[in-house]
Amino acid sequence: MELHSLRPASGSVKKTKRIARGEGSGHGGTATRGHKGDKARTGHKNKRGHEGGQMPLQMRLPKRGFNNINRVDYVAINVSRLEEIAEKHGVSSIDVEFLVQNGIVGKTHKVKILGDGELTKKLDIKAHGCSENAKHLIESLGGSVNLV
């Protein structure tokens, strides 16, 4: 086998239809576009979702869901995680700036402290939000919770 003798498999390559190249080609005249009408004209495009005047599918289906523009999304951090962070970094006071500097939350995130897990250490916390359970756990050990 040599490069000059390579050929595609028989039947795998077809000649392209040469449209609008005269009557002798078999595709002259209307050039396979039918007679007149918008689709026969140059520049015709179908609009996305257009169903020929029939009510489009996206308008026939009911709307679902609700998007509350007043919703505040918090990054939840449990008290057990706070204790792990405090032990790892050797601190007793944790605020949002500390969490951002250590890559635990992003600088645009709001932080909410939740009360899942055990807490054995006194901590002073500054966050955007705190659950009642978490506040009770932190304050029962002599710590404090301040909302930013």
C-alpha atoms as a PDB file:
ATOM      1  CA  MET A   1       0.000   0.000   0.000  1.00  0.00           C
ATOM      2  CA  GLU A   2       1.307   3.405  -1.013  1.00  0.00           C
ATOM      3  CA  LEU A   3      -0.001   6.921  -0.349  1.00  0.00           C
ATOM      4  CA  HIS A   4      -0.842   7.486  -4.013  1.00  0.00           C
ATOM      5  CA  SER A   5      -2.977   4.328  -4.149  1.00  0.00           C
ATOM      6  CA  LEU A   6      -5.224   5.135  -1.150  1.00  0.00           C
ATOM      7  CA  ARG A   7      -8.916   5.369  -2.010  1.00  0.00           C
ATOM      8  CA  PRO A   8     -12.024   5.814   0.152  1.00  0.00           C
ATOM      9  CA  ALA A   9     -14.255   2.760   0.568  1.00  0.00           C
ATOM     10  CA  SER A  10     -16.634   2.330  -2.325  1.00  0.00           C
ATOM     11  CA  GLY A  11     -19.986   4.045  -1.705  1.00  0.00           C
ATOM     12  CA  SER A  12     -18.679   6.151   1.171  1.00  0.00           C
ATOM     13  CA  VAL A  13     -18.099   9.309  -0.878  1.00  0.00           C
ATOM     14  CA  LYS A  14     -20.890  10.841  -2.936  1.00  0.00           C
ATOM     15  CA  LYS A  15     -20.795  13.783  -5.279  1.00  0.00           C
ATOM     16  CA  THR A  16     -22.594  16.852  -3.896  1.00  0.00           C
ATOM     17  CA  LYS A  17     -25.798  17.971  -5.578  1.00  0.00           C
ATOM     18  CA  ARG A  18     -25.008  21.029  -7.696  1.00  0.00           C
ATOM     19  CA  ILE A  19     -28.165  23.076  -7.318  1.00  0.00           C
ATOM     20  CA  ALA A  20     -29.241  25.980  -9.573  1.00  0.00           C
ATOM     21  CA  ARG A  21     -26.609  25.269 -12.249  1.00  0.00           C
ATOM     22  CA  GLY A  22     -28.936  25.089 -15.247  1.00  0.00           C
ATOM     23  CA  GLU A  23     -31.669  22.803 -16.536  1.00  0.00           C
ATOM     24  CA  GLY A  24     -29.213  20.147 -17.694  1.00  0.00           C
ATOM     25  CA  SER A  25     -28.181  19.427 -14.095  1.00  0.00           C
ATOM     26  CA  GLY A  26     -31.710  18.329 -13.204  1.00  0.00           C
ATOM     27  CA  HIS A  27     -31.763  20.906 -10.402  1.00  0.00           C
ATOM     28  CA  GLY A  28     -32.250  24.116 -12.385  1.00  0.00           C
ATOM     29  CA  GLY A  29     -35.373  26.230 -12.579  1.00  0.00           C
ATOM     30  CA  THR A  30     -36.716  26.513  -9.053  1.00  0.00           C
ATOM     31  CA  ALA A  31     -33.479  24.956  -7.701  1.00  0.00           C
ATOM     32  CA  THR A  32     -35.309  22.412  -5.493  1.00  0.00           C
ATOM     33  CA  ARG A  33     -37.091  25.197  -3.560  1.00  0.00           C
ATOM     34  CA  GLY A  34     -40.613  24.672  -4.920  1.00  0.00           C
ATOM     35  CA  HIS A  35     -42.634  27.482  -6.476  1.00  0.00           C
ATOM     36  CA  LYS A  36     -42.589  31.009  -5.032  1.00  0.00           C
ATOM     37  CA  GLY A  37     -43.376  31.715  -1.388  1.00  0.00           C
ATOM     38  CA  ASP A  38     -41.147  32.959   1.443  1.00  0.00           C
ATOM     39  CA  LYS A  39     -39.123  29.753   1.686  1.00  0.00           C
ATOM     40  CA  ALA A  40     -38.153  30.054  -1.983  1.00  0.00           C
ATOM     41  CA  ARG A  41     -36.646  33.497  -1.366  1.00  0.00           C
ATOM     42  CA  THR A  42     -33.091  34.211  -0.380  1.00  0.00           C
ATOM     43  CA  GLY A  43     -32.520  35.279   3.213  1.00  0.00           C
ATOM     44  CA  HIS A  44     -35.423  33.251   4.575  1.00  0.00           C
ATOM     45  CA  LYS A  45     -34.947  32.007   8.148  1.00  0.00           C
ATOM     46  CA  ASN A  46     -37.217  30.049  10.468  1.00  0.00           C
ATOM     47  CA  LYS A  47     -37.576  31.759  13.825  1.00  0.00           C
ATOM     48  CA  ARG A  48     -36.657  29.590  16.796  1.00  0.00           C
ATOM     49  CA  GLY A  49     -39.769  27.951  18.293  1.00  0.00           C
ATOM     50  CA  HIS A  50     -42.056  29.170  15.473  1.00  0.00           C
ATOM     51  CA  GLU A  51     -44.766  26.659  14.669  1.00  0.00           C
ATOM     52  CA  GLY A  52     -46.400  28.313  11.683  1.00  0.00           C
ATOM     53  CA  GLY A  53     -48.861  30.408  13.701  1.00  0.00           C
ATOM     54  CA  GLN A  54     -49.874  27.572  16.016  1.00  0.00           C
ATOM     55  CA  MET A  55     -49.420  28.482  19.696  1.00  0.00           C
ATOM     56  CA  PRO A  56     -45.778  27.539  20.439  1.00  0.00           C
ATOM     57  CA  LEU A  57     -44.991  24.779  22.914  1.00  0.00           C
ATOM     58  CA  GLN A  58     -43.315  27.080  25.447  1.00  0.00           C
ATOM     59  CA  MET A  59     -46.487  29.199  25.554  1.00  0.00           C
ATOM     60  CA  ARG A  60     -48.820  26.180  25.790  1.00  0.00           C
ATOM     61  CA  LEU A  61     -47.104  24.744  28.868  1.00  0.00           C
ATOM     62  CA  PRO A  62     -47.873  26.203  32.320  1.00  0.00           C
ATOM     63  CA  LYS A  63     -45.387  28.338  34.181  1.00  0.00           C
ATOM     64  CA  ARG A  64     -43.754  26.583  37.136  1.00  0.00           C
ATOM     65  CA  GLY A  65     -41.861  27.703  40.185  1.00  0.00           C
ATOM     66  CA  PHE A  66     -41.201  30.971  41.908  1.00  0.00           C
ATOM     67  CA  ASN A  67     -38.106  33.144  42.008  1.00  0.00           C
ATOM     68  CA  ASN A  68     -38.025  35.211  45.187  1.00  0.00           C
ATOM     69  CA  ILE A  69     -36.002  38.368  44.511  1.00  0.00           C
ATOM     70  CA  ASN A  70     -35.722  39.056  48.255  1.00  0.00           C
ATOM     71  CA  ARG A  71     -34.124  35.707  49.090  1.00  0.00           C
ATOM     72  CA  VAL A  72     -30.801  35.847  50.931  1.00  0.00           C
ATOM     73  CA  ASP A  73     -28.504  32.887  50.295  1.00  0.00           C
ATOM     74  CA  TYR A  74     -26.227  31.984  53.175  1.00  0.00           C
ATOM     75  CA  VAL A  75     -23.224  29.683  53.343  1.00  0.00           C
ATOM     76  CA  ALA A  76     -24.068  27.374  56.245  1.00  0.00           C
ATOM     77  CA  ILE A  77     -21.334  26.513  58.738  1.00  0.00           C
ATOM     78  CA  ASN A  78     -22.091  24.199  61.655  1.00  0.00           C
ATOM     79  CA  VAL A  79     -20.654  24.711  65.149  1.00  0.00           C
ATOM     80  CA  SER A  80     -18.721  21.436  64.854  1.00  0.00           C
ATOM     81  CA  ARG A  81     -16.969  22.835  61.748  1.00  0.00           C
ATOM     82  CA  LEU A  82     -16.244  26.083  63.597  1.00  0.00           C
ATOM     83  CA  GLU A  83     -14.542  24.108  66.345  1.00  0.00           C
ATOM     84  CA  GLU A  84     -12.424  22.242  63.780  1.00  0.00           C
ATOM     85  CA  ILE A  85     -11.404  25.569  62.191  1.00  0.00           C
ATOM     86  CA  ALA A  86     -10.569  27.087  65.600  1.00  0.00           C
ATOM     87  CA  GLU A  87      -8.390  24.088  66.556  1.00  0.00           C
ATOM     88  CA  LYS A  88      -6.629  24.004  63.183  1.00  0.00           C
ATOM     89  CA  HIS A  89      -5.723  27.709  63.249  1.00  0.00           C
ATOM     90  CA  GLY A  90      -5.408  28.061  67.045  1.00  0.00           C
ATOM     91  CA  VAL A  91      -7.915  30.893  67.440  1.00  0.00           C
ATOM     92  CA  SER A  92     -10.847  31.524  69.786  1.00  0.00           C
ATOM     93  CA  SER A  93     -12.446  34.335  67.774  1.00  0.00           C
ATOM     94  CA  ILE A  94     -13.806  33.741  64.275  1.00  0.00           C
ATOM     95  CA  ASP A  95     -15.302  36.390  62.012  1.00  0.00           C
ATOM     96  CA  VAL A  96     -16.258  36.567  58.334  1.00  0.00           C
ATOM     97  CA  GLU A  97     -12.937  38.182  57.318  1.00  0.00           C
ATOM     98  CA  PHE A  98     -11.032  35.299  58.961  1.00  0.00           C
ATOM     99  CA  LEU A  99     -13.127  32.747  57.018  1.00  0.00           C
ATOM    100  CA  VAL A 100     -12.513  34.631  53.750  1.00  0.00           C
ATOM    101  CA  GLN A 101      -8.741  34.892  54.338  1.00  0.00           C
ATOM    102  CA  ASN A 102      -8.509  31.145  54.953  1.00  0.00           C
ATOM    103  CA  GLY A 103     -10.528  30.278  51.836  1.00  0.00           C
ATOM    104  CA  ILE A 104     -13.468  28.755  53.705  1.00  0.00           C
ATOM    105  CA  VAL A 105     -16.030  31.149  52.174  1.00  0.00           C
ATOM    106  CA  GLY A 106     -15.937  33.637  49.313  1.00  0.00           C
ATOM    107  CA  LYS A 107     -15.702  37.356  50.000  1.00  0.00           C
ATOM    108  CA  THR A 108     -19.216  38.043  48.666  1.00  0.00           C
ATOM    109  CA  HIS A 109     -20.841  35.196  50.632  1.00  0.00           C
ATOM    110  CA  LYS A 110     -23.020  35.673  53.686  1.00  0.00           C
ATOM    111  CA  VAL A 111     -22.285  33.270  56.549  1.00  0.00           C
ATOM    112  CA  LYS A 112     -24.883  31.653  58.803  1.00  0.00           C
ATOM    113  CA  ILE A 113     -23.937  29.562  61.831  1.00  0.00           C
ATOM    114  CA  LEU A 114     -26.023  26.404  62.368  1.00  0.00           C
ATOM    115  CA  GLY A 115     -26.209  24.246  65.477  1.00  0.00           C
ATOM    116  CA  ASP A 116     -25.399  20.783  64.138  1.00  0.00           C
ATOM    117  CA  GLY A 117     -22.671  18.877  66.003  1.00  0.00           C
ATOM    118  CA  GLU A 118     -20.920  19.204  69.341  1.00  0.00           C
ATOM    119  CA  LEU A 119     -19.065  22.228  70.693  1.00  0.00           C
ATOM    120  CA  THR A 120     -16.562  21.900  73.547  1.00  0.00           C
ATOM    121  CA  LYS A 121     -14.636  25.164  73.256  1.00  0.00           C
ATOM    122  CA  LYS A 122     -15.479  28.796  74.051  1.00  0.00           C
ATOM    123  CA  LEU A 123     -15.711  30.741  70.780  1.00  0.00           C
ATOM    124  CA  ASP A 124     -16.473  34.360  69.887  1.00  0.00           C
ATOM    125  CA  ILE A 125     -18.267  34.443  66.542  1.00  0.00           C
ATOM    126  CA  LYS A 126     -19.151  37.258  64.124  1.00  0.00           C
ATOM    127  CA  ALA A 127     -21.422  36.218  61.241  1.00  0.00           C
ATOM    128  CA  HIS A 128     -24.323  37.457  59.117  1.00  0.00           C
ATOM    129  CA  GLY A 129     -26.795  35.026  60.668  1.00  0.00           C
ATOM    130  CA  CYS A 130     -27.097  32.454  63.422  1.00  0.00           C
ATOM    131  CA  SER A 131     -29.726  29.839  64.347  1.00  0.00           C
ATOM    132  CA  GLU A 132     -31.211  29.787  67.861  1.00  0.00           C
ATOM    133  CA  ASN A 133     -29.728  26.344  68.539  1.00  0.00           C
ATOM    134  CA  ALA A 134     -26.222  27.467  67.517  1.00  0.00           C
ATOM    135  CA  LYS A 135     -26.511  30.632  69.612  1.00  0.00           C
ATOM    136  CA  HIS A 136     -27.562  28.576  72.643  1.00  0.00           C
ATOM    137  CA  LEU A 137     -24.642  26.125  72.170  1.00  0.00           C
ATOM    138  CA  ILE A 138     -22.050  28.898  71.824  1.00  0.00           C
ATOM    139  CA  GLU A 139     -23.353  31.030  74.713  1.00  0.00           C
ATOM    140  CA  SER A 140     -23.741  28.035  77.057  1.00  0.00           C
ATOM    141  CA  LEU A 141     -19.922  27.618  76.915  1.00  0.00           C
ATOM    142  CA  GLY A 142     -19.307  31.313  77.637  1.00  0.00           C
ATOM    143  CA  GLY A 143     -18.810  32.370  74.022  1.00  0.00           C
ATOM    144  CA  SER A 144     -20.560  35.175  72.176  1.00  0.00           C
ATOM    145  CA  VAL A 145     -22.361  35.617  68.872  1.00  0.00           C
ATOM    146  CA  ASN A 146     -22.415  39.009  67.134  1.00  0.00           C
ATOM    147  CA  LEU A 147     -24.367  39.586  63.921  1.00  0.00           C
ATOM    148  CA  VAL A 148     -22.623  41.672  61.271  1.00  0.00           C
END
